[in-house]
Amino acid sequence: MIIESLSLMLIVLSAALAVKVKDLLISTAFLAVMSLLLALQYYLLQAPDVAITEAAVGACLSTAIFVLAIKHTSRVEK
């Protein structure tokens, strides 16, 4: 119960920081952290297949696509 509550608070915190930060690369890192915490939450809810998919697609693939897109644009939002 404590791990689930802590995980949910960290999910909300990392999502808020991802929106608040002006540096897009750091924002992408916060989104990856949020996705990994969501995968942990799914695992704690006894859905390991969803957790693995979230970790693979949400944390790895999406982060790689965002980093490649940021590489071709400006890094800091104005």
PDB file of N, CA and C in Angstrom:
ATOM      1  N   MET A   1       0.824  -1.193   0.000  1.00  0.00           N
ATOM      2  CA  MET A   1       0.000   0.000   0.000  1.00  0.00           C
ATOM      3  C   MET A   1       0.872   1.261   0.000  1.00  0.00           C
ATOM      4  N   ILE A   2       1.948   1.239   0.761  1.00  0.00           N
ATOM      5  CA  ILE A   2       2.838   2.403   0.825  1.00  0.00           C
ATOM      6  C   ILE A   2       3.555   2.594  -0.505  1.00  0.00           C
ATOM      7  N   ILE A   3       4.002   1.503  -1.109  1.00  0.00           N
ATOM      8  CA  ILE A   3       4.713   1.597  -2.385  1.00  0.00           C
ATOM      9  C   ILE A   3       3.778   2.115  -3.468  1.00  0.00           C
ATOM     10  N   GLU A   4       2.528   1.666  -3.458  1.00  0.00           N
ATOM     11  CA  GLU A   4       1.566   2.131  -4.456  1.00  0.00           C
ATOM     12  C   GLU A   4       1.292   3.635  -4.300  1.00  0.00           C
ATOM     13  N   SER A   5       1.124   4.085  -3.068  1.00  0.00           N
ATOM     14  CA  SER A   5       0.865   5.504  -2.829  1.00  0.00           C
ATOM     15  C   SER A   5       2.064   6.361  -3.212  1.00  0.00           C
ATOM     16  N   LEU A   6       3.246   5.905  -2.846  1.00  0.00           N
ATOM     17  CA  LEU A   6       4.465   6.637  -3.197  1.00  0.00           C
ATOM     18  C   LEU A   6       4.651   6.681  -4.710  1.00  0.00           C
ATOM     19  N   SER A   7       4.369   5.570  -5.366  1.00  0.00           N
ATOM     20  CA  SER A   7       4.481   5.516  -6.818  1.00  0.00           C
ATOM     21  C   SER A   7       3.508   6.482  -7.483  1.00  0.00           C
ATOM     22  N   LEU A   8       2.283   6.532  -7.002  1.00  0.00           N
ATOM     23  CA  LEU A   8       1.302   7.453  -7.578  1.00  0.00           C
ATOM     24  C   LEU A   8       1.700   8.912  -7.376  1.00  0.00           C
ATOM     25  N   MET A   9       2.220   9.228  -6.200  1.00  0.00           N
ATOM     26  CA  MET A   9       2.673  10.606  -5.963  1.00  0.00           C
ATOM     27  C   MET A   9       3.837  10.972  -6.872  1.00  0.00           C
ATOM     28  N   LEU A  10       4.754  10.041  -7.079  1.00  0.00           N
ATOM     29  CA  LEU A  10       5.889  10.308  -7.961  1.00  0.00           C
ATOM     30  C   LEU A  10       5.468  10.417  -9.415  1.00  0.00           C
ATOM     31  N   ILE A  11       4.431   9.669  -9.809  1.00  0.00           N
ATOM     32  CA  ILE A  11       3.901   9.787 -11.174  1.00  0.00           C
ATOM     33  C   ILE A  11       3.362  11.190 -11.406  1.00  0.00           C
ATOM     34  N   VAL A  12       2.571  11.668 -10.460  1.00  0.00           N
ATOM     35  CA  VAL A  12       1.997  13.012 -10.589  1.00  0.00           C
ATOM     36  C   VAL A  12       3.099  14.072 -10.567  1.00  0.00           C
ATOM     37  N   LEU A  13       4.085  13.895  -9.701  1.00  0.00           N
ATOM     38  CA  LEU A  13       5.188  14.855  -9.613  1.00  0.00           C
ATOM     39  C   LEU A  13       5.999  14.894 -10.904  1.00  0.00           C
ATOM     40  N   SER A  14       6.334  13.734 -11.448  1.00  0.00           N
ATOM     41  CA  SER A  14       7.129  13.722 -12.680  1.00  0.00           C
ATOM     42  C   SER A  14       6.333  14.264 -13.865  1.00  0.00           C
ATOM     43  N   ALA A  15       5.027  14.032 -13.898  1.00  0.00           N
ATOM     44  CA  ALA A  15       4.203  14.600 -14.967  1.00  0.00           C
ATOM     45  C   ALA A  15       4.155  16.119 -14.854  1.00  0.00           C
ATOM     46  N   ALA A  16       4.017  16.625 -13.637  1.00  0.00           N
ATOM     47  CA  ALA A  16       3.983  18.075 -13.434  1.00  0.00           C
ATOM     48  C   ALA A  16       5.323  18.713 -13.809  1.00  0.00           C
ATOM     49  N   LEU A  17       6.409  18.057 -13.449  1.00  0.00           N
ATOM     50  CA  LEU A  17       7.722  18.586 -13.804  1.00  0.00           C
ATOM     51  C   LEU A  17       7.965  18.541 -15.304  1.00  0.00           C
ATOM     52  N   ALA A  18       7.447  17.507 -15.966  1.00  0.00           N
ATOM     53  CA  ALA A  18       7.603  17.415 -17.418  1.00  0.00           C
ATOM     54  C   ALA A  18       6.903  18.569 -18.121  1.00  0.00           C
ATOM     55  N   VAL A  19       5.790  19.008 -17.574  1.00  0.00           N
ATOM     56  CA  VAL A  19       5.064  20.135 -18.167  1.00  0.00           C
ATOM     57  C   VAL A  19       5.730  21.457 -17.814  1.00  0.00           C
ATOM     58  N   LYS A  20       6.277  21.558 -16.615  1.00  0.00           N
ATOM     59  CA  LYS A  20       6.811  22.819 -16.101  1.00  0.00           C
ATOM     60  C   LYS A  20       8.175  23.191 -16.691  1.00  0.00           C
ATOM     61  N   VAL A  21       9.027  22.209 -16.936  1.00  0.00           N
ATOM     62  CA  VAL A  21      10.408  22.449 -17.373  1.00  0.00           C
ATOM     63  C   VAL A  21      10.428  22.996 -18.795  1.00  0.00           C
ATOM     64  N   LYS A  22      11.292  23.967 -19.039  1.00  0.00           N
ATOM     65  CA  LYS A  22      11.407  24.572 -20.370  1.00  0.00           C
ATOM     66  C   LYS A  22      12.365  23.823 -21.292  1.00  0.00           C
ATOM     67  N   ASP A  23      13.302  23.068 -20.719  1.00  0.00           N
ATOM     68  CA  ASP A  23      14.249  22.287 -21.518  1.00  0.00           C
ATOM     69  C   ASP A  23      13.548  20.998 -21.967  1.00  0.00           C
ATOM     70  N   LEU A  24      13.426  20.821 -23.265  1.00  0.00           N
ATOM     71  CA  LEU A  24      12.653  19.700 -23.792  1.00  0.00           C
ATOM     72  C   LEU A  24      13.313  18.351 -23.528  1.00  0.00           C
ATOM     73  N   LEU A  25      14.629  18.313 -23.476  1.00  0.00           N
ATOM     74  CA  LEU A  25      15.314  17.048 -23.212  1.00  0.00           C
ATOM     75  C   LEU A  25      15.087  16.594 -21.770  1.00  0.00           C
ATOM     76  N   ILE A  26      15.119  17.520 -20.841  1.00  0.00           N
ATOM     77  CA  ILE A  26      14.845  17.184 -19.440  1.00  0.00           C
ATOM     78  C   ILE A  26      13.378  16.799 -19.284  1.00  0.00           C
ATOM     79  N   SER A  27      12.507  17.472 -20.001  1.00  0.00           N
ATOM     80  CA  SER A  27      11.092  17.119 -19.974  1.00  0.00           C
ATOM     81  C   SER A  27      10.863  15.699 -20.489  1.00  0.00           C
ATOM     82  N   THR A  28      11.587  15.323 -21.507  1.00  0.00           N
ATOM     83  CA  THR A  28      11.506  13.966 -22.028  1.00  0.00           C
ATOM     84  C   THR A  28      11.994  12.957 -20.996  1.00  0.00           C
ATOM     85  N   ALA A  29      13.019  13.300 -20.249  1.00  0.00           N
ATOM     86  CA  ALA A  29      13.512  12.412 -19.192  1.00  0.00           C
ATOM     87  C   ALA A  29      12.456  12.238 -18.106  1.00  0.00           C
ATOM     88  N   PHE A  30      11.762  13.317 -17.750  1.00  0.00           N
ATOM     89  CA  PHE A  30      10.687  13.201 -16.759  1.00  0.00           C
ATOM     90  C   PHE A  30       9.541  12.333 -17.278  1.00  0.00           C
ATOM     91  N   LEU A  31       9.247  12.424 -18.568  1.00  0.00           N
ATOM     92  CA  LEU A  31       8.219  11.562 -19.142  1.00  0.00           C
ATOM     93  C   LEU A  31       8.639  10.096 -19.116  1.00  0.00           C
ATOM     94  N   ALA A  32       9.925   9.829 -19.332  1.00  0.00           N
ATOM     95  CA  ALA A  32      10.417   8.454 -19.253  1.00  0.00           C
ATOM     96  C   ALA A  32      10.309   7.920 -17.829  1.00  0.00           C
ATOM     97  N   VAL A  33      10.634   8.760 -16.853  1.00  0.00           N
ATOM     98  CA  VAL A  33      10.500   8.366 -15.442  1.00  0.00           C
ATOM     99  C   VAL A  33       9.040   8.089 -15.114  1.00  0.00           C
ATOM    100  N   MET A  34       8.149   8.948 -15.610  1.00  0.00           N
ATOM    101  CA  MET A  34       6.729   8.737 -15.373  1.00  0.00           C
ATOM    102  C   MET A  34       6.265   7.419 -15.979  1.00  0.00           C
ATOM    103  N   SER A  35       6.747   7.101 -17.149  1.00  0.00           N
ATOM    104  CA  SER A  35       6.361   5.860 -17.801  1.00  0.00           C
ATOM    105  C   SER A  35       6.879   4.641 -17.046  1.00  0.00           C
ATOM    106  N   LEU A  36       8.101   4.729 -16.538  1.00  0.00           N
ATOM    107  CA  LEU A  36       8.630   3.620 -15.741  1.00  0.00           C
ATOM    108  C   LEU A  36       7.852   3.443 -14.442  1.00  0.00           C
ATOM    109  N   LEU A  37       7.455   4.547 -13.835  1.00  0.00           N
ATOM    110  CA  LEU A  37       6.645   4.457 -12.621  1.00  0.00           C
ATOM    111  C   LEU A  37       5.259   3.902 -12.920  1.00  0.00           C
ATOM    112  N   LEU A  38       4.710   4.228 -14.077  1.00  0.00           N
ATOM    113  CA  LEU A  38       3.447   3.630 -14.483  1.00  0.00           C
ATOM    114  C   LEU A  38       3.589   2.132 -14.696  1.00  0.00           C
ATOM    115  N   ALA A  39       4.714   1.720 -15.264  1.00  0.00           N
ATOM    116  CA  ALA A  39       4.963   0.291 -15.435  1.00  0.00           C
ATOM    117  C   ALA A  39       5.048  -0.402 -14.071  1.00  0.00           C
ATOM    118  N   LEU A  40       5.692   0.238 -13.118  1.00  0.00           N
ATOM    119  CA  LEU A  40       5.739  -0.313 -11.759  1.00  0.00           C
ATOM    120  C   LEU A  40       4.339  -0.406 -11.172  1.00  0.00           C
ATOM    121  N   GLN A  41       3.524   0.612 -11.394  1.00  0.00           N
ATOM    122  CA  GLN A  41       2.151   0.611 -10.872  1.00  0.00           C
ATOM    123  C   GLN A  41       1.340  -0.521 -11.500  1.00  0.00           C
ATOM    124  N   TYR A  42       1.488  -0.740 -12.792  1.00  0.00           N
ATOM    125  CA  TYR A  42       0.790  -1.844 -13.443  1.00  0.00           C
ATOM    126  C   TYR A  42       1.254  -3.188 -12.879  1.00  0.00           C
ATOM    127  N   TYR A  43       2.539  -3.305 -12.616  1.00  0.00           N
ATOM    128  CA  TYR A  43       3.053  -4.549 -12.042  1.00  0.00           C
ATOM    129  C   TYR A  43       2.487  -4.779 -10.642  1.00  0.00           C
ATOM    130  N   LEU A  44       2.399  -3.719  -9.863  1.00  0.00           N
ATOM    131  CA  LEU A  44       1.827  -3.847  -8.524  1.00  0.00           C
ATOM    132  C   LEU A  44       0.337  -4.177  -8.571  1.00  0.00           C
ATOM    133  N   LEU A  45      -0.327  -3.782  -9.640  1.00  0.00           N
ATOM    134  CA  LEU A  45      -1.738  -4.117  -9.827  1.00  0.00           C
ATOM    135  C   LEU A  45      -1.919  -5.493 -10.471  1.00  0.00           C
ATOM    136  N   GLN A  46      -0.839  -6.242 -10.561  1.00  0.00           N
ATOM    137  CA  GLN A  46      -0.808  -7.616 -11.066  1.00  0.00           C
ATOM    138  C   GLN A  46      -1.196  -7.706 -12.541  1.00  0.00           C
ATOM    139  N   ALA A  47      -0.640  -6.796 -13.315  1.00  0.00           N
ATOM    140  CA  ALA A  47      -0.802  -6.833 -14.767  1.00  0.00           C
ATOM    141  C   ALA A  47       0.587  -6.768 -15.401  1.00  0.00           C
ATOM    142  N   PRO A  48       1.354  -7.860 -15.297  1.00  0.00           N
ATOM    143  CA  PRO A  48       2.742  -7.806 -15.775  1.00  0.00           C
ATOM    144  C   PRO A  48       2.870  -7.624 -17.283  1.00  0.00           C
ATOM    145  N   ASP A  49       1.909  -8.116 -18.065  1.00  0.00           N
ATOM    146  CA  ASP A  49       1.994  -7.937 -19.510  1.00  0.00           C
ATOM    147  C   ASP A  49       1.840  -6.466 -19.898  1.00  0.00           C
ATOM    148  N   VAL A  50       0.950  -5.774 -19.231  1.00  0.00           N
ATOM    149  CA  VAL A  50       0.775  -4.341 -19.481  1.00  0.00           C
ATOM    150  C   VAL A  50       2.002  -3.571 -18.992  1.00  0.00           C
ATOM    151  N   ALA A  51       2.573  -4.008 -17.878  1.00  0.00           N
ATOM    152  CA  ALA A  51       3.756  -3.348 -17.329  1.00  0.00           C
ATOM    153  C   ALA A  51       4.940  -3.464 -18.292  1.00  0.00           C
ATOM    154  N   ILE A  52       5.131  -4.636 -18.859  1.00  0.00           N
ATOM    155  CA  ILE A  52       6.237  -4.822 -19.799  1.00  0.00           C
ATOM    156  C   ILE A  52       6.027  -3.977 -21.054  1.00  0.00           C
ATOM    157  N   THR A  53       4.793  -3.934 -21.531  1.00  0.00           N
ATOM    158  CA  THR A  53       4.492  -3.124 -22.710  1.00  0.00           C
ATOM    159  C   THR A  53       4.700  -1.648 -22.432  1.00  0.00           C
ATOM    160  N   GLU A  54       4.262  -1.192 -21.272  1.00  0.00           N
ATOM    161  CA  GLU A  54       4.445   0.224 -20.906  1.00  0.00           C
ATOM    162  C   GLU A  54       5.924   0.566 -20.792  1.00  0.00           C
ATOM    163  N   ALA A  55       6.700  -0.322 -20.206  1.00  0.00           N
ATOM    164  CA  ALA A  55       8.133  -0.065 -20.064  1.00  0.00           C
ATOM    165  C   ALA A  55       8.819  -0.034 -21.430  1.00  0.00           C
ATOM    166  N   ALA A  56       8.433  -0.949 -22.297  1.00  0.00           N
ATOM    167  CA  ALA A  56       9.091  -1.020 -23.605  1.00  0.00           C
ATOM    168  C   ALA A  56       8.679   0.135 -24.510  1.00  0.00           C
ATOM    169  N   VAL A  57       7.393   0.352 -24.625  1.00  0.00           N
ATOM    170  CA  VAL A  57       6.903   1.375 -25.555  1.00  0.00           C
ATOM    171  C   VAL A  57       6.978   2.766 -24.932  1.00  0.00           C
ATOM    172  N   GLY A  58       6.463   2.902 -23.717  1.00  0.00           N
ATOM    173  CA  GLY A  58       6.389   4.213 -23.087  1.00  0.00           C
ATOM    174  C   GLY A  58       7.731   4.780 -22.714  1.00  0.00           C
ATOM    175  N   ALA A  59       8.544   3.972 -22.050  1.00  0.00           N
ATOM    176  CA  ALA A  59       9.823   4.487 -21.568  1.00  0.00           C
ATOM    177  C   ALA A  59      10.908   4.456 -22.638  1.00  0.00           C
ATOM    178  N   CYS A  60      10.999   3.385 -23.376  1.00  0.00           N
ATOM    179  CA  CYS A  60      12.117   3.243 -24.317  1.00  0.00           C
ATOM    180  C   CYS A  60      11.825   3.842 -25.693  1.00  0.00           C
ATOM    181  N   LEU A  61      10.815   3.344 -26.348  1.00  0.00           N
ATOM    182  CA  LEU A  61      10.560   3.744 -27.733  1.00  0.00           C
ATOM    183  C   LEU A  61      10.130   5.212 -27.846  1.00  0.00           C
ATOM    184  N   SER A  62       9.198   5.623 -27.003  1.00  0.00           N
ATOM    185  CA  SER A  62       8.740   7.013 -27.058  1.00  0.00           C
ATOM    186  C   SER A  62       9.860   7.988 -26.711  1.00  0.00           C
ATOM    187  N   THR A  63      10.660   7.632 -25.725  1.00  0.00           N
ATOM    188  CA  THR A  63      11.780   8.500 -25.343  1.00  0.00           C
ATOM    189  C   THR A  63      12.777   8.626 -26.491  1.00  0.00           C
ATOM    190  N   ALA A  64      13.057   7.535 -27.152  1.00  0.00           N
ATOM    191  CA  ALA A  64      13.986   7.586 -28.289  1.00  0.00           C
ATOM    192  C   ALA A  64      13.440   8.455 -29.412  1.00  0.00           C
ATOM    193  N   ILE A  65      12.155   8.344 -29.700  1.00  0.00           N
ATOM    194  CA  ILE A  65      11.545   9.163 -30.751  1.00  0.00           C
ATOM    195  C   ILE A  65      11.565  10.637 -30.365  1.00  0.00           C
ATOM    196  N   PHE A  66      11.260  10.945 -29.101  1.00  0.00           N
ATOM    197  CA  PHE A  66      11.295  12.338 -28.654  1.00  0.00           C
ATOM    198  C   PHE A  66      12.696  12.917 -28.733  1.00  0.00           C
ATOM    199  N   VAL A  67      13.699  12.138 -28.325  1.00  0.00           N
ATOM    200  CA  VAL A  67      15.083  12.625 -28.361  1.00  0.00           C
ATOM    201  C   VAL A  67      15.517  12.883 -29.809  1.00  0.00           C
ATOM    202  N   LEU A  68      15.142  11.998 -30.716  1.00  0.00           N
ATOM    203  CA  LEU A  68      15.483  12.229 -32.129  1.00  0.00           C
ATOM    204  C   LEU A  68      14.780  13.461 -32.680  1.00  0.00           C
ATOM    205  N   ALA A  69      13.545  13.695 -32.281  1.00  0.00           N
ATOM    206  CA  ALA A  69      12.828  14.881 -32.736  1.00  0.00           C
ATOM    207  C   ALA A  69      13.438  16.154 -32.157  1.00  0.00           C
ATOM    208  N   ILE A  70      13.835  16.107 -30.895  1.00  0.00           N
ATOM    209  CA  ILE A  70      14.460  17.269 -30.258  1.00  0.00           C
ATOM    210  C   ILE A  70      15.811  17.565 -30.888  1.00  0.00           C
ATOM    211  N   LYS A  71      16.496  16.511 -31.310  1.00  0.00           N
ATOM    212  CA  LYS A  71      17.798  16.692 -31.949  1.00  0.00           C
ATOM    213  C   LYS A  71      17.684  17.531 -33.223  1.00  0.00           C
ATOM    214  N   HIS A  72      16.563  17.422 -33.907  1.00  0.00           N
ATOM    215  CA  HIS A  72      16.378  18.168 -35.162  1.00  0.00           C
ATOM    216  C   HIS A  72      15.679  19.515 -34.970  1.00  0.00           C
ATOM    217  N   THR A  73      15.358  19.856 -33.752  1.00  0.00           N
ATOM    218  CA  THR A  73      14.741  21.153 -33.470  1.00  0.00           C
ATOM    219  C   THR A  73      15.544  21.868 -32.387  1.00  0.00           C
ATOM    220  N   SER A  74      15.003  22.953 -31.881  1.00  0.00           N
ATOM    221  CA  SER A  74      15.682  23.644 -30.776  1.00  0.00           C
ATOM    222  C   SER A  74      15.366  22.930 -29.462  1.00  0.00           C
ATOM    223  N   ARG A  75      16.335  22.893 -28.594  1.00  0.00           N
ATOM    224  CA  ARG A  75      16.214  22.128 -27.358  1.00  0.00           C
ATOM    225  C   ARG A  75      15.413  22.864 -26.296  1.00  0.00           C
ATOM    226  N   VAL A  76      15.590  24.160 -26.182  1.00  0.00           N
ATOM    227  CA  VAL A  76      14.945  24.927 -25.112  1.00  0.00           C
ATOM    228  C   VAL A  76      13.727  25.636 -25.692  1.00  0.00           C
ATOM    229  N   GLU A  77      12.612  25.483 -25.011  1.00  0.00           N
ATOM    230  CA  GLU A  77      11.374  26.153 -25.420  1.00  0.00           C
ATOM    231  C   GLU A  77      11.443  27.627 -25.061  1.00  0.00           C
ATOM    232  N   LYS A  78      10.923  28.467 -25.928  1.00  0.00           N
ATOM    233  CA  LYS A  78      10.978  29.913 -25.667  1.00  0.00           C
ATOM    234  C   LYS A  78       9.710  30.393 -25.015  1.00  0.00           C
TER     235      LYS A  78
END
